[in-house]
């Protein structure tokens, strides 16, 4: 009596195979389809292990394929993964020294987040918390009260006209 031990032990779309193809994952002795957003998956159709670079969802984030990475992560163009920004960056364009915004209590200076602005710089924008250079080569400087008023508010104030008497409604 001979034993029939075939190396093809998995069933994929009606065909016996040694291992599941790209776009399938092993479920018992079956190869089942991955979610369409996944290039490859593991354990279930929704646990992506890689994404198609040409799909609408090319970046891998927490085992999901996404269109773009969330705040605090950047799109790694080499691995097509969402990699975490280096702390204390809030958002970044790459992993190191390329911050675009900072965590609370830090100020953006030339792509890095610092606990304070360096000499000859001041917090120039209280919304973005950028360090702007002082003028006239001063060692310290302060923001004037008028520079804290949003440009639209100044523009609106300049456009306000007094109605001539008798034309008020």
Protein backbone atom coordinates (compact mmCIF):
# COMPACT_ATOMS: atom_id res chain seq x y z
CA UNK A 1 0.00 0.00 0.00
CA UNK A 2 1.41 3.37 -1.00
CA UNK A 3 0.76 6.68 0.64
CA UNK A 4 -0.42 9.48 -1.61
CA UNK A 5 1.26 12.51 0.00
CA UNK A 6 0.80 15.27 -2.56
CA UNK A 7 2.77 18.52 -2.00
CA UNK A 8 -0.38 20.35 -3.14
CA UNK A 9 -2.35 20.55 0.08
CA UNK A 10 -4.23 23.85 -0.28
CA UNK A 11 -7.28 24.58 -2.41
CA UNK A 12 -7.34 27.91 -4.23
CA UNK A 13 -10.31 28.60 -6.50
CA UNK A 14 -10.75 24.92 -7.35
CA UNK A 15 -7.03 24.21 -7.88
CA UNK A 16 -4.64 22.41 -5.53
CA UNK A 17 -1.59 24.55 -4.70
CA UNK A 18 1.47 24.41 -2.41
CA UNK A 19 0.93 27.92 -1.07
CA UNK A 20 -1.59 30.69 -1.50
CA UNK A 21 -1.04 33.24 -4.27
CA UNK A 22 -0.69 36.98 -3.78
CA UNK A 23 -4.09 38.38 -2.85
CA UNK A 24 -5.07 35.24 -0.90
CA UNK A 25 -4.51 34.08 2.68
CA UNK A 26 -4.58 30.58 4.16
CA UNK A 27 -7.73 29.65 6.05
CA UNK A 28 -7.38 26.00 7.08
CA UNK A 29 -6.77 24.10 3.83
CA UNK A 30 -8.32 26.86 1.72
CA UNK A 31 -6.84 29.95 0.11
CA UNK A 32 -9.35 32.77 0.55
CA UNK A 33 -9.39 36.20 -1.08
CA UNK A 34 -7.87 39.19 0.71
CA UNK A 35 -9.88 42.40 0.91
CA UNK A 36 -9.55 44.25 -2.44
CA UNK A 37 -7.56 47.05 -0.76
CA UNK A 38 -4.86 44.56 0.36
CA UNK A 39 -2.12 43.26 -1.92
CA UNK A 40 -1.36 40.57 0.66
CA UNK A 41 -3.09 39.67 3.92
CA UNK A 42 -2.77 37.25 6.82
CA UNK A 43 -5.18 35.57 9.26
CA UNK A 44 -8.25 37.29 7.76
CA UNK A 45 -9.13 39.19 4.60
CA UNK A 46 -8.91 42.51 6.48
CA UNK A 47 -5.46 42.12 8.08
CA UNK A 48 -3.33 43.56 5.28
CA UNK A 49 0.41 42.86 5.25
CA UNK A 50 1.06 44.97 2.13
CA UNK A 51 -0.80 47.26 -0.25
CA UNK A 52 -0.70 47.74 -3.99
CA UNK A 53 1.39 50.81 -4.84
CA UNK A 54 -0.89 51.57 -7.78
CA UNK A 55 -4.20 51.31 -5.89
CA UNK A 56 -6.21 54.15 -4.38
CA UNK A 57 -5.09 52.83 -0.96
CA UNK A 58 -1.30 52.37 -1.32
CA UNK A 59 -0.09 52.96 2.28
CA UNK A 60 -0.11 50.36 5.06
CA UNK A 61 -1.22 51.71 8.46
CA UNK A 62 -2.17 49.37 11.35
CA UNK A 63 -2.71 46.46 8.95
CA UNK A 64 -5.07 48.51 6.78
CA UNK A 65 -4.44 50.04 3.36
CA UNK A 66 -5.17 53.78 3.41
CA UNK A 67 -5.20 56.68 0.93
CA UNK A 68 -3.06 58.88 3.16
CA UNK A 69 -1.44 58.66 6.55
CA UNK A 70 -2.96 60.18 9.67
CA UNK A 71 -1.52 63.15 11.55
CA UNK A 72 1.65 62.08 13.34
CA UNK A 73 2.66 59.73 10.50
CA UNK A 74 4.29 60.28 7.12
CA UNK A 75 4.02 58.36 3.88
CA UNK A 76 7.24 56.39 3.43
CA UNK A 77 7.83 56.35 -0.35
CA UNK A 78 10.18 53.36 -0.17
CA UNK A 79 8.10 50.95 1.91
CA UNK A 80 4.62 52.38 1.23
CA UNK A 81 3.91 52.34 4.95
CA UNK A 82 2.75 55.06 7.33
CA UNK A 83 5.73 55.62 9.61
CA UNK A 84 5.47 57.59 12.83
CA UNK A 85 6.98 61.07 12.99
CA UNK A 86 9.84 61.52 15.42
CA UNK A 87 8.64 63.07 18.70
CA UNK A 88 7.95 65.97 19.31
CA UNK A 89 6.76 66.45 15.71
CA UNK A 90 2.99 66.55 15.39
CA UNK A 91 3.22 66.17 11.61
CA UNK A 92 6.21 65.63 9.34
CA UNK A 93 7.30 64.90 5.79
CA UNK A 94 9.85 62.25 6.77
CA UNK A 95 11.07 60.60 9.95
CA UNK A 96 13.81 62.92 11.17
CA UNK A 97 14.28 66.69 11.22
CA UNK A 98 11.47 67.36 8.76
CA UNK A 99 8.64 68.45 11.06
CA UNK A 100 5.81 70.53 9.62
CA UNK A 101 4.11 71.13 12.99
CA UNK A 102 4.92 70.45 16.65
CA UNK A 103 3.34 68.97 19.77
CA UNK A 104 1.94 71.46 22.28
CA UNK A 105 4.69 73.34 24.11
CA UNK A 106 7.18 73.14 21.21
CA UNK A 107 8.03 75.61 18.45
CA UNK A 108 8.87 74.89 14.82
CA UNK A 109 12.34 76.02 13.76
CA UNK A 110 13.81 74.92 10.41
CA UNK A 111 12.01 71.57 10.38
CA UNK A 112 12.69 70.72 14.02
CA UNK A 113 10.60 71.18 17.15
CA UNK A 114 12.27 73.01 20.01
CA UNK A 115 11.28 73.86 23.57
CA UNK A 116 11.98 77.53 22.80
CA UNK A 117 12.98 79.65 19.85
CA UNK A 118 16.73 80.35 19.54
CA UNK A 119 18.30 83.79 20.08
CA UNK A 120 17.38 86.25 17.31
CA UNK A 121 14.03 84.45 16.81
CA UNK A 122 10.54 84.85 18.26
CA UNK A 123 7.20 83.03 18.10
CA UNK A 124 5.98 84.74 14.97
CA UNK A 125 2.66 83.01 14.48
CA UNK A 126 0.59 81.94 17.49
CA UNK A 127 -1.42 79.54 15.32
CA UNK A 128 1.44 77.56 13.72
CA UNK A 129 3.99 78.27 16.49
CA UNK A 130 6.80 78.99 14.03
CA UNK A 131 10.01 80.68 15.12
CA UNK A 132 10.50 83.80 12.97
CA UNK A 133 13.71 85.78 12.79
CA UNK A 134 13.92 89.12 14.57
CA UNK A 135 14.67 92.17 12.43
CA UNK A 136 17.60 94.58 12.76
CA UNK A 137 19.95 91.92 14.20
CA UNK A 138 18.46 92.20 17.69
CA UNK A 139 19.11 89.58 20.37
CA UNK A 140 15.50 89.49 21.55
CA UNK A 141 12.27 90.79 20.11
CA UNK A 142 8.56 90.68 20.80
CA UNK A 143 5.50 90.38 18.64
CA UNK A 144 3.55 93.61 18.46
CA UNK A 145 -0.14 93.45 19.33
CA UNK A 146 -1.14 94.41 15.76
CA UNK A 147 0.75 91.42 14.31
CA UNK A 148 -1.45 89.06 16.34
CA UNK A 149 -4.62 90.30 14.61
CA UNK A 150 -5.48 87.99 11.72
CA UNK A 151 -4.92 89.66 8.29
CA UNK A 152 -8.61 89.15 7.36
CA UNK A 153 -9.72 91.12 10.44
CA UNK A 154 -7.47 94.04 9.46
CA UNK A 155 -8.71 93.86 5.87
CA UNK A 156 -12.34 93.82 7.07
CA UNK A 157 -11.73 96.75 9.41
CA UNK A 158 -10.32 98.76 6.50
CA UNK A 159 -13.41 98.01 4.38
CA UNK A 160 -15.97 99.15 6.98
CA UNK A 161 -17.65 102.35 5.85
CA UNK A 162 -19.86 104.68 7.85
CA UNK A 163 -23.34 104.97 6.33
CA UNK A 164 -24.41 108.55 5.63
CA UNK A 165 -27.17 109.82 7.97
CA UNK A 166 -30.64 108.92 6.80
CA UNK A 167 -29.59 105.81 4.85
CA UNK A 168 -29.56 103.46 7.85
CA UNK A 169 -32.26 100.80 7.83
